[in-house]
Amino acid sequence: MPYLHWWPRKGTTEWVQYDLAETATLGSATVYWFDDAPWGGCRVPKAWRVLCQDEQGQWTPVDPLTPYTTAKGEACTVTFRPVTTKAVRLEVQLPDDNAAGLYEWELGTTVLR
């Protein structure tokens, strides 16, 4: 199964980015973390957050409505106030003594009425 990891980095802040084909309104993100404990060097991250790029190219954290979770083996979903953007980053704070990685990152769209 493919995955992305930041091995051998430890205790750093890393990121991965979606550049969308067109502007979209988003309201959630779901991550499945890669954790190869007990023998490997990747664990779930210490923390994470979602940032969106505004029209001036600046990165701004979304306004979360639910907590960011870091559970192994399950979907970790955050919902946030809807944002309209063409680019999204997942910023990940690696554990102090391990790397981290992810299997999958999904974005949820929101329809404004």
Protein backbone atom coordinates (compact mmCIF):
# COMPACT_ATOMS: atom_id res chain seq x y z
CA MET A 1 0.00 0.00 0.00
CA PRO A 2 1.51 3.38 -0.96
CA TYR A 3 2.11 6.05 1.67
CA LEU A 4 4.06 9.26 2.21
CA HIS A 5 6.47 9.72 5.12
CA TRP A 6 9.08 12.21 6.31
CA TRP A 7 11.62 9.63 7.56
CA PRO A 8 14.26 10.23 8.91
CA ARG A 9 13.18 13.70 10.11
CA LYS A 10 12.10 13.96 13.76
CA GLY A 11 10.50 16.80 15.71
CA THR A 12 10.15 19.10 12.68
CA THR A 13 7.16 20.70 10.99
CA GLU A 14 6.55 19.30 7.50
CA TRP A 15 3.80 19.76 4.93
CA VAL A 16 2.15 18.35 1.83
CA GLN A 17 0.02 20.39 -0.57
CA TYR A 18 -2.95 20.01 -2.92
CA ASP A 19 -3.05 22.38 -5.89
CA LEU A 20 -6.63 22.20 -7.12
CA ALA A 21 -7.54 22.41 -10.80
CA GLU A 22 -10.19 25.02 -10.01
CA THR A 23 -11.42 27.01 -7.04
CA ALA A 24 -13.38 24.89 -4.56
CA THR A 25 -15.23 25.51 -1.32
CA LEU A 26 -13.99 23.11 1.35
CA GLY A 27 -15.27 22.29 4.82
CA SER A 28 -13.41 19.21 6.05
CA ALA A 29 -10.23 17.17 5.80
CA THR A 30 -9.65 13.52 6.68
CA VAL A 31 -6.24 11.93 7.20
CA TYR A 32 -5.26 8.28 7.67
CA TRP A 33 -1.88 8.31 9.44
CA PHE A 34 1.00 5.96 8.70
CA ASP A 35 2.37 4.44 11.93
CA ASP A 36 4.69 1.42 11.71
CA ALA A 37 5.08 0.84 15.44
CA PRO A 38 6.51 -0.98 17.24
CA TRP A 39 9.50 -1.70 14.96
CA GLY A 40 9.53 1.16 12.46
CA GLY A 41 10.39 4.81 12.97
CA CYS A 42 7.07 6.48 12.09
CA ARG A 43 4.33 7.32 14.58
CA VAL A 44 1.19 9.41 14.39
CA PRO A 45 2.11 13.11 14.46
CA LYS A 46 2.24 15.30 17.52
CA ALA A 47 -0.18 17.73 15.84
CA TRP A 48 -1.51 18.80 12.46
CA ARG A 49 -3.53 21.56 10.85
CA VAL A 50 -5.01 22.59 7.52
CA LEU A 51 -4.07 25.84 5.79
CA CYS A 52 -5.55 27.40 2.66
CA GLN A 53 -3.99 29.83 0.23
CA ASP A 54 -5.71 33.16 -0.32
CA GLU A 55 -5.79 35.18 -3.55
CA GLN A 56 -2.54 36.96 -2.56
CA GLY A 57 -0.74 33.63 -2.12
CA GLN A 58 -0.62 33.80 1.69
CA TRP A 59 -1.23 30.65 3.76
CA THR A 60 -3.89 30.94 6.47
CA PRO A 61 -5.00 28.26 8.95
CA VAL A 62 -8.64 27.22 8.61
CA ASP A 63 -11.03 27.88 11.50
CA PRO A 64 -11.66 24.38 12.94
CA LEU A 65 -15.11 23.47 14.24
CA THR A 66 -13.97 20.08 15.57
CA PRO A 67 -10.66 18.99 17.13
CA TYR A 68 -7.69 17.72 15.16
CA THR A 69 -7.15 14.08 16.15
CA THR A 70 -4.15 11.79 15.67
CA ALA A 71 -5.42 8.24 16.11
CA LYS A 72 -3.69 5.24 14.59
CA GLY A 73 -5.74 3.02 12.30
CA GLU A 74 -8.79 5.24 11.85
CA ALA A 75 -10.00 8.27 9.93
CA CYS A 76 -8.96 11.52 11.61
CA THR A 77 -11.41 14.17 10.40
CA VAL A 78 -11.53 17.87 11.13
CA THR A 79 -14.42 20.04 10.02
CA PHE A 80 -13.88 23.78 9.61
CA ARG A 81 -15.66 26.94 8.54
CA PRO A 82 -15.95 26.72 4.77
CA VAL A 83 -13.11 28.25 2.77
CA THR A 84 -12.87 28.92 -0.95
CA THR A 85 -9.39 28.30 -2.34
CA LYS A 86 -7.28 26.78 -5.11
CA ALA A 87 -4.58 25.33 -2.82
CA VAL A 88 -4.56 23.54 0.54
CA ARG A 89 -1.73 22.44 2.82
CA LEU A 90 -1.62 19.78 5.48
CA GLU A 91 0.97 20.92 8.04
CA VAL A 92 2.28 18.17 10.31
CA GLN A 93 4.29 18.47 13.55
CA LEU A 94 6.41 15.31 13.78
CA PRO A 95 6.90 13.56 17.13
CA ASP A 96 10.09 14.51 18.99
CA ASP A 97 11.66 11.04 18.66
CA ASN A 98 10.04 9.71 15.46
CA ALA A 99 9.03 10.59 11.94
CA ALA A 100 5.43 10.54 10.72
CA GLY A 101 3.58 9.80 7.54
CA LEU A 102 0.19 9.36 5.96
CA TYR A 103 -1.66 6.83 3.87
CA GLU A 104 -4.35 9.13 2.59
CA TRP A 105 -5.57 12.75 2.77
CA GLU A 106 -9.09 13.58 1.65
CA LEU A 107 -10.76 16.99 1.30
CA GLY A 108 -14.50 17.49 1.77
CA THR A 109 -16.34 20.06 -0.29
CA THR A 110 -19.15 22.21 1.00
CA VAL A 111 -22.10 23.51 -0.97
CA LEU A 112 -23.06 27.03 0.07
CA ARG A 113 -26.80 27.74 -0.10
